[in-house]
């Protein structure tokens, strides 16, 4: 019975991670103390190991080296998945009920990225890499192909900027809000003059 609970808990962790990756709009600019995602990651790794051991006992995993790879993979995934979910939970704790208002902040476009979810897929996903001037955190923003092409492969500092809403919540933690999978991607009309007054 306990082994089955490990499998259910691991499955729930997978679902939560997918939801966070696809639909989370917020991202910390300053980051939360490393100890929290680290502890959560260790817990997720232990859960992944226990779930893989139960799956192996039930005969769900192939024998030999493939079984070992599955156990290692589930353990590693548990570590990172728990960190992702913890970050999303921390975001809500920091902002829920805090009365934080979104303030538009200019971010420099410092790069771009294109990826495909599968190697055989013909659909590309475009993103811009942005940074707040003087900041260290890189914020990935989903973009249309038109915007991706406009900024070019190596945008110069201060050449292109985008206004993104930033909230400051509890403990001074700042979060930036970007489009998720369900939202419209940013296009060329969303570019703002660099160094200008940020306003919606």
N, C-alpha and C. Protein backbone atom coordinates (compact mmCIF):
# COMPACT_ATOMS: atom_id res chain seq x y z
N UNK A 1 0.83 -1.21 0.00
CA UNK A 1 0.00 0.00 0.00
C UNK A 1 0.87 1.26 0.00
N UNK A 2 1.91 1.26 0.84
CA UNK A 2 2.78 2.43 0.91
C UNK A 2 3.48 2.66 -0.42
N UNK A 3 3.90 1.56 -1.06
CA UNK A 3 4.57 1.68 -2.36
C UNK A 3 3.67 2.31 -3.40
N UNK A 4 2.39 1.95 -3.36
CA UNK A 4 1.42 2.53 -4.30
C UNK A 4 1.29 4.04 -4.08
N UNK A 5 1.33 4.44 -2.80
CA UNK A 5 1.24 5.87 -2.49
C UNK A 5 2.43 6.62 -3.08
N UNK A 6 3.61 5.99 -3.09
CA UNK A 6 4.77 6.63 -3.69
C UNK A 6 4.54 6.89 -5.17
N UNK A 7 3.92 5.92 -5.84
CA UNK A 7 3.64 6.07 -7.27
C UNK A 7 2.62 7.18 -7.51
N UNK A 8 1.58 7.22 -6.69
CA UNK A 8 0.57 8.28 -6.84
C UNK A 8 1.19 9.65 -6.58
N UNK A 9 2.03 9.74 -5.54
CA UNK A 9 2.66 11.02 -5.22
C UNK A 9 3.60 11.46 -6.35
N UNK A 10 4.32 10.51 -6.91
CA UNK A 10 5.24 10.84 -8.01
C UNK A 10 4.46 11.27 -9.24
N UNK A 11 3.36 10.58 -9.51
CA UNK A 11 2.51 10.98 -10.64
C UNK A 11 1.94 12.37 -10.45
N UNK A 12 1.54 12.69 -9.22
CA UNK A 12 1.03 14.04 -8.93
C UNK A 12 2.12 15.09 -9.13
N UNK A 13 3.35 14.74 -8.75
CA UNK A 13 4.47 15.67 -8.94
C UNK A 13 4.70 15.94 -10.42
N UNK A 14 4.58 14.89 -11.24
CA UNK A 14 4.74 15.06 -12.69
C UNK A 14 3.69 16.00 -13.24
N UNK A 15 2.43 15.79 -12.83
CA UNK A 15 1.33 16.63 -13.31
C UNK A 15 1.53 18.08 -12.89
N UNK A 16 1.89 18.30 -11.63
CA UNK A 16 2.11 19.66 -11.14
C UNK A 16 3.25 20.35 -11.89
N UNK A 17 4.31 19.60 -12.17
CA UNK A 17 5.44 20.17 -12.89
C UNK A 17 5.04 20.59 -14.30
N UNK A 18 4.27 19.75 -14.98
CA UNK A 18 3.82 20.08 -16.33
C UNK A 18 2.95 21.33 -16.30
N UNK A 19 2.05 21.42 -15.32
CA UNK A 19 1.18 22.59 -15.20
C UNK A 19 2.00 23.85 -14.94
N UNK A 20 3.02 23.74 -14.08
CA UNK A 20 3.87 24.90 -13.78
C UNK A 20 4.63 25.36 -15.02
N UNK A 21 5.17 24.41 -15.76
CA UNK A 21 5.96 24.75 -16.94
C UNK A 21 5.09 25.38 -18.02
N UNK A 22 3.88 24.86 -18.20
CA UNK A 22 3.02 25.34 -19.27
C UNK A 22 2.26 26.62 -18.93
N UNK A 23 1.82 26.75 -17.67
CA UNK A 23 0.87 27.82 -17.37
C UNK A 23 1.35 28.83 -16.34
N UNK A 24 2.53 28.67 -15.78
CA UNK A 24 3.04 29.66 -14.84
C UNK A 24 3.39 30.94 -15.58
N UNK A 25 2.94 32.08 -15.07
CA UNK A 25 3.24 33.38 -15.68
C UNK A 25 4.33 34.13 -14.92
N UNK A 26 4.49 33.83 -13.66
CA UNK A 26 5.43 34.57 -12.84
C UNK A 26 6.80 33.90 -12.77
N UNK A 27 7.81 34.74 -12.59
CA UNK A 27 9.17 34.24 -12.43
C UNK A 27 9.92 35.20 -11.51
N UNK A 28 10.59 34.67 -10.49
CA UNK A 28 11.33 35.53 -9.57
C UNK A 28 12.50 36.20 -10.26
N UNK A 29 12.68 37.49 -9.95
CA UNK A 29 13.85 38.20 -10.45
C UNK A 29 15.04 38.04 -9.51
N UNK A 30 14.77 37.96 -8.23
CA UNK A 30 15.84 37.88 -7.24
C UNK A 30 16.12 36.45 -6.80
N UNK A 31 15.15 35.58 -6.96
CA UNK A 31 15.31 34.20 -6.53
C UNK A 31 15.05 34.04 -5.04
N UNK A 32 14.56 32.87 -4.67
CA UNK A 32 14.32 32.57 -3.27
C UNK A 32 15.58 31.93 -2.70
N UNK A 33 15.75 31.93 -1.38
CA UNK A 33 16.94 31.30 -0.79
C UNK A 33 17.13 29.88 -1.30
N UNK A 34 18.35 29.55 -1.70
CA UNK A 34 18.65 28.27 -2.34
C UNK A 34 18.27 27.08 -1.46
N UNK A 35 18.27 27.27 -0.15
CA UNK A 35 18.02 26.16 0.75
C UNK A 35 16.63 25.55 0.53
N UNK A 36 15.65 26.38 0.15
CA UNK A 36 14.28 25.88 0.00
C UNK A 36 14.14 24.95 -1.21
N UNK A 37 14.53 25.38 -2.42
CA UNK A 37 14.44 24.44 -3.54
C UNK A 37 15.38 23.25 -3.38
N UNK A 38 16.49 23.43 -2.65
CA UNK A 38 17.42 22.33 -2.45
C UNK A 38 16.79 21.24 -1.58
N UNK A 39 16.17 21.67 -0.47
CA UNK A 39 15.50 20.70 0.40
C UNK A 39 14.36 20.00 -0.36
N UNK A 40 13.58 20.81 -1.10
CA UNK A 40 12.48 20.23 -1.89
C UNK A 40 13.02 19.26 -2.93
N UNK A 41 14.14 19.62 -3.56
CA UNK A 41 14.73 18.76 -4.57
C UNK A 41 15.18 17.44 -3.99
N UNK A 42 15.78 17.47 -2.82
CA UNK A 42 16.21 16.23 -2.17
C UNK A 42 14.99 15.34 -1.87
N UNK A 43 13.92 15.98 -1.38
CA UNK A 43 12.70 15.23 -1.12
C UNK A 43 12.13 14.63 -2.40
N UNK A 44 12.17 15.42 -3.49
CA UNK A 44 11.68 14.92 -4.78
C UNK A 44 12.52 13.77 -5.30
N UNK A 45 13.83 13.85 -5.09
CA UNK A 45 14.73 12.77 -5.53
C UNK A 45 14.45 11.48 -4.76
N UNK A 46 14.22 11.62 -3.45
CA UNK A 46 13.90 10.44 -2.64
C UNK A 46 12.58 9.83 -3.10
N UNK A 47 11.60 10.70 -3.36
CA UNK A 47 10.30 10.22 -3.85
C UNK A 47 10.47 9.51 -5.18
N UNK A 48 11.29 10.08 -6.08
CA UNK A 48 11.52 9.45 -7.37
C UNK A 48 12.16 8.08 -7.23
N UNK A 49 13.11 7.97 -6.32
CA UNK A 49 13.77 6.68 -6.10
C UNK A 49 12.79 5.66 -5.55
N UNK A 50 11.99 6.06 -4.54
CA UNK A 50 11.02 5.13 -3.95
C UNK A 50 9.96 4.71 -4.96
N UNK A 51 9.51 5.67 -5.79
CA UNK A 51 8.51 5.34 -6.81
C UNK A 51 9.08 4.39 -7.86
N UNK A 52 10.34 4.61 -8.24
CA UNK A 52 10.96 3.72 -9.23
C UNK A 52 11.18 2.33 -8.66
N UNK A 53 11.51 2.26 -7.36
CA UNK A 53 11.68 0.96 -6.72
C UNK A 53 10.37 0.19 -6.71
N UNK A 54 9.27 0.91 -6.43
CA UNK A 54 7.96 0.26 -6.44
C UNK A 54 7.56 -0.16 -7.85
N UNK A 55 7.83 0.70 -8.83
CA UNK A 55 7.52 0.35 -10.22
C UNK A 55 8.32 -0.88 -10.66
N UNK A 56 9.56 -0.96 -10.19
CA UNK A 56 10.39 -2.13 -10.50
C UNK A 56 9.82 -3.38 -9.84
N UNK A 57 9.37 -3.25 -8.60
CA UNK A 57 8.80 -4.40 -7.88
C UNK A 57 7.55 -4.93 -8.58
N UNK A 58 6.79 -4.00 -9.16
CA UNK A 58 5.57 -4.40 -9.87
C UNK A 58 5.84 -4.92 -11.27
N UNK A 59 7.11 -4.86 -11.68
CA UNK A 59 7.46 -5.37 -13.00
C UNK A 59 7.21 -4.39 -14.13
N UNK A 60 7.05 -3.10 -13.81
CA UNK A 60 6.79 -2.11 -14.84
C UNK A 60 8.05 -1.69 -15.59
N UNK A 61 9.20 -1.87 -14.97
CA UNK A 61 10.46 -1.46 -15.58
C UNK A 61 11.18 -2.65 -16.17
N UNK A 62 11.83 -2.43 -17.30
CA UNK A 62 12.57 -3.50 -17.94
C UNK A 62 13.79 -3.86 -17.10
N UNK A 63 14.24 -5.07 -17.23
CA UNK A 63 15.36 -5.54 -16.43
C UNK A 63 16.69 -5.09 -17.03
N UNK A 64 17.76 -5.33 -16.30
CA UNK A 64 19.09 -5.00 -16.78
C UNK A 64 19.41 -3.53 -16.63
N UNK A 65 20.27 -3.03 -17.53
CA UNK A 65 20.73 -1.65 -17.43
C UNK A 65 19.60 -0.65 -17.65
N UNK A 66 18.57 -1.03 -18.42
CA UNK A 66 17.45 -0.12 -18.64
C UNK A 66 16.71 0.17 -17.33
N UNK A 67 16.62 -0.84 -16.50
CA UNK A 67 15.98 -0.64 -15.19
C UNK A 67 16.79 0.36 -14.37
N UNK A 68 18.10 0.24 -14.40
CA UNK A 68 18.96 1.16 -13.67
C UNK A 68 18.80 2.59 -14.20
N UNK A 69 18.73 2.72 -15.54
CA UNK A 69 18.56 4.04 -16.14
C UNK A 69 17.22 4.66 -15.74
N UNK A 70 16.18 3.86 -15.68
CA UNK A 70 14.87 4.37 -15.27
C UNK A 70 14.91 4.87 -13.83
N UNK A 71 15.56 4.10 -12.97
CA UNK A 71 15.65 4.50 -11.56
C UNK A 71 16.42 5.82 -11.43
N UNK A 72 17.55 5.91 -12.14
CA UNK A 72 18.34 7.14 -12.11
C UNK A 72 17.55 8.32 -12.68
N UNK A 73 16.89 8.07 -13.81
CA UNK A 73 16.11 9.13 -14.46
C UNK A 73 14.97 9.63 -13.60
N UNK A 74 14.24 8.73 -12.97
CA UNK A 74 13.11 9.13 -12.12
C UNK A 74 13.60 9.88 -10.89
N UNK A 75 14.76 9.49 -10.38
CA UNK A 75 15.32 10.17 -9.21
C UNK A 75 15.75 11.60 -9.58
N UNK A 76 16.45 11.74 -10.71
CA UNK A 76 16.90 13.06 -11.14
C UNK A 76 15.72 13.96 -11.48
N UNK A 77 14.72 13.39 -12.18
CA UNK A 77 13.54 14.19 -12.52
C UNK A 77 12.83 14.65 -11.25
N UNK A 78 12.74 13.78 -10.26
CA UNK A 78 12.10 14.15 -9.00
C UNK A 78 12.78 15.33 -8.34
N UNK A 79 14.11 15.38 -8.43
CA UNK A 79 14.87 16.48 -7.85
C UNK A 79 14.50 17.81 -8.50
N UNK A 80 14.56 17.86 -9.83
CA UNK A 80 14.28 19.11 -10.53
C UNK A 80 12.81 19.47 -10.51
N UNK A 81 11.93 18.47 -10.61
CA UNK A 81 10.49 18.74 -10.59
C UNK A 81 10.06 19.36 -9.28
N UNK A 82 10.56 18.83 -8.18
CA UNK A 82 10.20 19.38 -6.87
C UNK A 82 10.69 20.82 -6.73
N UNK A 83 11.85 21.12 -7.30
CA UNK A 83 12.36 22.49 -7.27
C UNK A 83 11.47 23.44 -8.04
N UNK A 84 10.99 23.00 -9.21
CA UNK A 84 10.11 23.83 -10.04
C UNK A 84 8.79 24.11 -9.32
N UNK A 85 8.21 23.08 -8.74
CA UNK A 85 6.94 23.23 -8.03
C UNK A 85 7.10 24.12 -6.80
N UNK A 86 8.22 23.96 -6.09
CA UNK A 86 8.48 24.78 -4.90
C UNK A 86 8.60 26.25 -5.28
N UNK A 87 9.27 26.53 -6.40
CA UNK A 87 9.41 27.91 -6.85
C UNK A 87 8.05 28.53 -7.14
N UNK A 88 7.16 27.74 -7.76
CA UNK A 88 5.82 28.24 -8.09
C UNK A 88 5.01 28.48 -6.81
N UNK A 89 5.13 27.60 -5.84
CA UNK A 89 4.43 27.77 -4.57
C UNK A 89 4.95 29.01 -3.84
N UNK A 90 6.29 29.17 -3.83
CA UNK A 90 6.89 30.32 -3.16
C UNK A 90 6.42 31.63 -3.79
N UNK A 91 6.22 31.62 -5.10
CA UNK A 91 5.74 32.80 -5.80
C UNK A 91 4.37 33.21 -5.28
N UNK A 92 3.51 32.24 -5.07
CA UNK A 92 2.17 32.54 -4.59
C UNK A 92 2.18 32.97 -3.12
N UNK A 93 3.02 32.35 -2.32
CA UNK A 93 3.12 32.74 -0.92
C UNK A 93 3.63 34.18 -0.80
N UNK A 94 4.58 34.55 -1.64
CA UNK A 94 5.17 35.89 -1.58
C UNK A 94 4.20 36.97 -2.03
N UNK A 95 3.26 36.62 -2.91
CA UNK A 95 2.40 37.65 -3.50
C UNK A 95 0.94 37.59 -3.07
N UNK A 96 0.46 36.41 -2.68
CA UNK A 96 -0.96 36.27 -2.34
C UNK A 96 -1.32 37.16 -1.15
N UNK A 97 -2.32 38.00 -1.35
CA UNK A 97 -2.80 38.85 -0.28
C UNK A 97 -1.86 39.96 0.14
N UNK A 98 -0.79 40.17 -0.62
CA UNK A 98 0.18 41.21 -0.25
C UNK A 98 -0.22 42.58 -0.77
N UNK A 99 -1.20 42.63 -1.66
CA UNK A 99 -1.62 43.89 -2.24
C UNK A 99 -0.62 44.47 -3.22
N UNK A 100 0.32 43.63 -3.67
CA UNK A 100 1.36 44.10 -4.60
C UNK A 100 0.73 44.48 -5.94
N UNK A 101 1.13 45.64 -6.45
CA UNK A 101 0.64 46.12 -7.74
C UNK A 101 1.73 45.95 -8.79
N UNK A 102 1.30 45.62 -10.00
CA UNK A 102 2.25 45.45 -11.09
C UNK A 102 2.73 46.81 -11.58
N UNK A 103 4.03 46.96 -11.65
CA UNK A 103 4.63 48.17 -12.19
C UNK A 103 5.40 47.83 -13.45
N UNK A 104 5.17 48.58 -14.55
CA UNK A 104 5.87 48.28 -15.80
C UNK A 104 7.35 48.63 -15.70
N UNK A 105 8.18 47.71 -16.09
CA UNK A 105 9.64 47.90 -16.04
C UNK A 105 10.23 47.54 -17.40
N UNK A 106 11.16 48.37 -17.86
CA UNK A 106 11.81 48.10 -19.13
C UNK A 106 12.87 47.01 -18.98
N UNK A 107 12.84 46.05 -19.89
CA UNK A 107 13.85 44.98 -19.92
C UNK A 107 14.56 45.05 -21.28
N UNK A 108 15.88 44.95 -21.24
CA UNK A 108 16.66 44.89 -22.48
C UNK A 108 16.54 43.51 -23.11
N UNK A 109 16.38 43.47 -24.42
CA UNK A 109 16.44 42.21 -25.15
C UNK A 109 17.92 41.90 -25.39
N UNK A 110 18.40 40.82 -24.80
CA UNK A 110 19.83 40.49 -24.87
C UNK A 110 20.12 39.27 -25.73
N UNK A 111 19.07 38.60 -26.19
CA UNK A 111 19.30 37.43 -27.03
C UNK A 111 17.98 36.83 -27.46
N UNK A 112 18.05 35.73 -28.15
CA UNK A 112 16.84 35.05 -28.59
C UNK A 112 17.11 33.55 -28.63
N UNK A 113 16.02 32.77 -28.70
CA UNK A 113 16.16 31.32 -28.69
C UNK A 113 15.04 30.70 -29.50
N UNK A 114 15.38 29.65 -30.21
CA UNK A 114 14.37 28.90 -30.97
C UNK A 114 14.53 27.43 -30.64
N UNK A 115 13.41 26.77 -30.40
CA UNK A 115 13.49 25.36 -30.05
C UNK A 115 12.30 24.62 -30.63
N UNK A 116 12.45 23.32 -30.71
CA UNK A 116 11.37 22.43 -31.11
C UNK A 116 11.14 21.44 -30.00
N UNK A 117 9.87 21.17 -29.70
CA UNK A 117 9.57 20.26 -28.61
C UNK A 117 10.01 18.84 -28.95
N UNK A 118 9.99 18.52 -30.23
CA UNK A 118 10.45 17.20 -30.66
C UNK A 118 11.36 17.40 -31.87
N UNK A 119 12.34 16.53 -32.00
CA UNK A 119 13.30 16.69 -33.08
C UNK A 119 12.65 16.57 -34.45
N UNK A 120 11.55 15.82 -34.53
CA UNK A 120 10.89 15.61 -35.81
C UNK A 120 9.77 16.62 -36.06
N UNK A 121 9.54 17.52 -35.11
CA UNK A 121 8.47 18.49 -35.26
C UNK A 121 8.92 19.65 -36.16
N UNK A 122 8.01 20.11 -37.01
CA UNK A 122 8.31 21.23 -37.90
C UNK A 122 7.90 22.56 -37.26
N UNK A 123 7.25 22.50 -36.09
CA UNK A 123 6.80 23.71 -35.41
C UNK A 123 7.88 24.22 -34.47
N UNK A 124 8.33 25.43 -34.72
CA UNK A 124 9.37 26.02 -33.87
C UNK A 124 8.72 26.93 -32.83
N UNK A 125 9.38 27.05 -31.70
CA UNK A 125 8.91 27.90 -30.62
C UNK A 125 9.95 28.99 -30.39
N UNK A 126 9.51 30.23 -30.49
CA UNK A 126 10.45 31.36 -30.44
C UNK A 126 10.37 32.08 -29.09
N UNK A 127 11.53 32.49 -28.60
CA UNK A 127 11.60 33.21 -27.34
C UNK A 127 12.65 34.30 -27.42
N UNK A 128 12.46 35.35 -26.61
CA UNK A 128 13.49 36.37 -26.44
C UNK A 128 14.06 36.24 -25.03
N UNK A 129 15.33 36.53 -24.90
CA UNK A 129 15.99 36.55 -23.60
C UNK A 129 16.15 38.00 -23.19
N UNK A 130 15.63 38.35 -22.03
CA UNK A 130 15.65 39.75 -21.60
C UNK A 130 16.29 39.87 -20.22
N UNK A 131 16.78 41.07 -19.93
CA UNK A 131 17.35 41.38 -18.62
C UNK A 131 16.97 42.79 -18.22
N UNK A 132 16.70 42.97 -16.95
CA UNK A 132 16.51 44.32 -16.44
C UNK A 132 17.88 45.00 -16.41
N UNK A 133 18.00 46.23 -16.91
CA UNK A 133 19.30 46.90 -16.90
C UNK A 133 19.94 46.88 -15.52
N UNK A 134 21.16 46.38 -15.46
CA UNK A 134 21.86 46.27 -14.19
C UNK A 134 21.55 45.01 -13.41
N UNK A 135 20.58 44.22 -13.90
CA UNK A 135 20.22 42.98 -13.22
C UNK A 135 20.97 41.78 -13.76
N UNK A 136 20.89 40.69 -13.04
CA UNK A 136 21.60 39.47 -13.44
C UNK A 136 20.66 38.40 -13.98
N UNK A 137 19.40 38.41 -13.52
CA UNK A 137 18.46 37.37 -13.93
C UNK A 137 18.06 37.53 -15.39
N UNK A 138 18.03 36.42 -16.11
CA UNK A 138 17.57 36.41 -17.49
C UNK A 138 16.14 35.91 -17.53
N UNK A 139 15.28 36.68 -18.19
CA UNK A 139 13.86 36.34 -18.27
C UNK A 139 13.54 35.94 -19.70
N UNK A 140 13.00 34.74 -19.86
CA UNK A 140 12.62 34.24 -21.18
C UNK A 140 11.19 34.64 -21.48
N UNK A 141 10.97 35.24 -22.64
CA UNK A 141 9.64 35.71 -23.03
C UNK A 141 9.25 35.08 -24.36
N UNK A 142 8.07 34.47 -24.41
CA UNK A 142 7.59 33.86 -25.64
C UNK A 142 7.32 34.94 -26.67
N UNK A 143 7.77 34.72 -27.91
CA UNK A 143 7.67 35.73 -28.96
C UNK A 143 7.16 35.12 -30.26
N UNK A 144 6.60 35.98 -31.10
CA UNK A 144 6.22 35.55 -32.44
C UNK A 144 7.48 35.48 -33.32
N UNK A 145 7.36 34.82 -34.45
CA UNK A 145 8.50 34.73 -35.36
C UNK A 145 8.88 36.11 -35.88
N UNK A 146 7.87 36.98 -36.07
CA UNK A 146 8.14 38.33 -36.56
C UNK A 146 9.02 39.10 -35.58
N UNK A 147 8.72 39.00 -34.29
CA UNK A 147 9.53 39.68 -33.28
C UNK A 147 10.91 39.03 -33.18
N UNK A 148 10.93 37.72 -33.25
CA UNK A 148 12.20 36.97 -33.20
C UNK A 148 13.12 37.41 -34.34
N UNK A 149 12.55 37.54 -35.54
CA UNK A 149 13.36 37.96 -36.70
C UNK A 149 13.79 39.42 -36.58
N UNK A 150 12.92 40.25 -36.00
CA UNK A 150 13.22 41.69 -35.94
C UNK A 150 14.43 41.99 -35.07
N UNK A 151 14.54 41.32 -33.92
CA UNK A 151 15.65 41.64 -33.01
C UNK A 151 16.98 41.09 -33.52
N UNK A 152 16.94 40.10 -34.41
CA UNK A 152 18.17 39.57 -34.98
C UNK A 152 18.91 38.64 -34.02
N UNK A 153 19.96 38.00 -34.52
CA UNK A 153 20.65 36.99 -33.71
C UNK A 153 21.44 37.56 -32.53
N UNK A 154 21.95 38.78 -32.65
CA UNK A 154 22.75 39.37 -31.58
C UNK A 154 22.35 40.82 -31.33
N UNK A 155 21.21 41.03 -30.67
CA UNK A 155 20.77 42.41 -30.42
C UNK A 155 21.76 43.14 -29.50
N UNK A 156 22.08 44.37 -29.85
CA UNK A 156 23.00 45.17 -29.04
C UNK A 156 22.29 45.67 -27.79
N UNK A 157 23.06 45.90 -26.73
CA UNK A 157 22.49 46.40 -25.48
C UNK A 157 21.81 47.74 -25.71
N UNK A 158 20.57 47.86 -25.27
CA UNK A 158 19.83 49.10 -25.43
C UNK A 158 19.21 49.29 -26.80
N UNK A 159 19.32 48.29 -27.66
CA UNK A 159 18.75 48.41 -29.01
C UNK A 159 17.25 48.12 -29.01
N UNK A 160 16.85 47.06 -28.30
CA UNK A 160 15.44 46.69 -28.21
C UNK A 160 15.08 46.49 -26.74
N UNK A 161 13.91 46.99 -26.37
CA UNK A 161 13.44 46.83 -24.99
C UNK A 161 11.97 46.42 -25.00
N UNK A 162 11.57 45.77 -23.93
CA UNK A 162 10.18 45.34 -23.75
C UNK A 162 9.76 45.69 -22.33
N UNK A 163 8.54 46.21 -22.19
CA UNK A 163 8.01 46.50 -20.86
C UNK A 163 7.31 45.26 -20.31
N UNK A 164 7.72 44.85 -19.12
CA UNK A 164 7.11 43.70 -18.46
C UNK A 164 6.64 44.13 -17.08
N UNK A 165 5.48 43.63 -16.63
CA UNK A 165 4.99 43.99 -15.30
C UNK A 165 5.76 43.26 -14.19
N UNK A 166 6.18 44.01 -13.19
CA UNK A 166 6.93 43.46 -12.07
C UNK A 166 6.18 43.76 -10.78
N UNK A 167 6.04 42.75 -9.92
CA UNK A 167 5.42 42.92 -8.62
C UNK A 167 6.45 42.67 -7.52
N UNK A 168 6.37 43.46 -6.46
CA UNK A 168 7.22 43.24 -5.29
C UNK A 168 6.34 42.77 -4.15
N UNK A 169 6.59 41.56 -3.67
CA UNK A 169 5.76 40.97 -2.63
C UNK A 169 6.44 40.93 -1.28
N UNK A 170 6.07 39.95 -0.50
CA UNK A 170 6.63 39.80 0.84
C UNK A 170 8.14 39.58 0.78
N UNK A 171 8.80 40.04 1.83
CA UNK A 171 10.24 39.87 1.98
C UNK A 171 11.04 40.54 0.87
N UNK A 172 10.38 41.48 0.14
CA UNK A 172 11.07 42.20 -0.91
C UNK A 172 11.32 41.40 -2.16
N UNK A 173 10.68 40.24 -2.28
CA UNK A 173 10.88 39.40 -3.46
C UNK A 173 10.14 39.99 -4.65
N UNK A 174 10.83 40.11 -5.76
CA UNK A 174 10.25 40.68 -6.98
C UNK A 174 9.99 39.58 -8.01
N UNK A 175 8.83 39.67 -8.65
CA UNK A 175 8.45 38.69 -9.66
C UNK A 175 8.03 39.41 -10.93
N UNK A 176 8.47 38.89 -12.06
CA UNK A 176 8.09 39.45 -13.36
C UNK A 176 7.07 38.52 -13.99
N UNK A 177 6.14 39.11 -14.73
CA UNK A 177 5.05 38.33 -15.32
C UNK A 177 5.18 38.32 -16.83
N UNK A 178 5.17 37.12 -17.40
CA UNK A 178 5.36 36.94 -18.84
C UNK A 178 4.26 36.03 -19.38
N UNK A 179 4.02 36.06 -20.69
CA UNK A 179 2.98 35.18 -21.26
C UNK A 179 3.32 33.71 -21.05
N UNK A 180 2.30 32.90 -20.79
CA UNK A 180 2.51 31.46 -20.71
C UNK A 180 2.01 30.80 -21.99
N UNK A 181 1.90 29.49 -21.98
CA UNK A 181 1.53 28.75 -23.19
C UNK A 181 0.15 29.13 -23.70
N UNK A 182 -0.76 29.49 -22.79
CA UNK A 182 -2.13 29.81 -23.19
C UNK A 182 -2.30 31.25 -23.66
N UNK A 183 -1.29 32.08 -23.49
CA UNK A 183 -1.39 33.49 -23.85
C UNK A 183 -0.82 33.76 -25.24
N UNK A 184 -1.21 34.92 -25.77
CA UNK A 184 -0.65 35.35 -27.05
C UNK A 184 0.81 35.72 -26.87
N UNK A 185 1.62 35.37 -27.82
CA UNK A 185 3.05 35.69 -27.76
C UNK A 185 3.26 37.17 -28.08
N UNK A 186 4.34 37.73 -27.56
CA UNK A 186 4.63 39.12 -27.83
C UNK A 186 5.09 39.29 -29.27
N UNK A 187 4.67 40.42 -29.88
CA UNK A 187 5.04 40.71 -31.26
C UNK A 187 5.80 42.01 -31.36
N UNK A 188 6.14 42.44 -32.58
CA UNK A 188 6.90 43.68 -32.77
C UNK A 188 6.25 44.90 -32.14
N UNK A 189 4.94 44.93 -32.06
CA UNK A 189 4.25 46.10 -31.48
C UNK A 189 4.48 46.20 -29.97
N UNK A 190 4.99 45.15 -29.35
CA UNK A 190 5.23 45.17 -27.91
C UNK A 190 6.59 45.74 -27.55
N UNK A 191 7.41 46.06 -28.55
CA UNK A 191 8.71 46.67 -28.28
C UNK A 191 8.51 48.10 -27.79
N UNK A 192 9.38 48.53 -26.89
CA UNK A 192 9.32 49.89 -26.34
C UNK A 192 10.66 50.57 -26.52
N UNK A 193 10.66 51.91 -26.64
CA UNK A 193 11.94 52.63 -26.74
C UNK A 193 12.75 52.42 -25.47
N UNK A 194 14.00 52.11 -25.62
CA UNK A 194 14.87 51.91 -24.46
C UNK A 194 15.18 53.25 -23.81
N UNK A 195 15.11 53.28 -22.51
CA UNK A 195 15.43 54.51 -21.78
C UNK A 195 14.26 55.44 -21.65
N UNK A 196 13.11 55.07 -22.20
CA UNK A 196 11.93 55.93 -22.10
C UNK A 196 11.18 55.67 -20.82
N UNK A 197 10.08 56.36 -20.64
CA UNK A 197 9.26 56.19 -19.45
C UNK A 197 8.37 54.98 -19.64
N UNK A 198 8.46 54.05 -18.71
CA UNK A 198 7.66 52.84 -18.81
C UNK A 198 6.24 53.12 -18.38
N UNK A 199 5.31 52.82 -19.25
CA UNK A 199 3.90 53.00 -18.90
C UNK A 199 3.08 52.08 -19.79
N UNK A 200 1.99 51.59 -19.25
CA UNK A 200 1.11 50.72 -20.04
C UNK A 200 0.29 51.55 -21.00
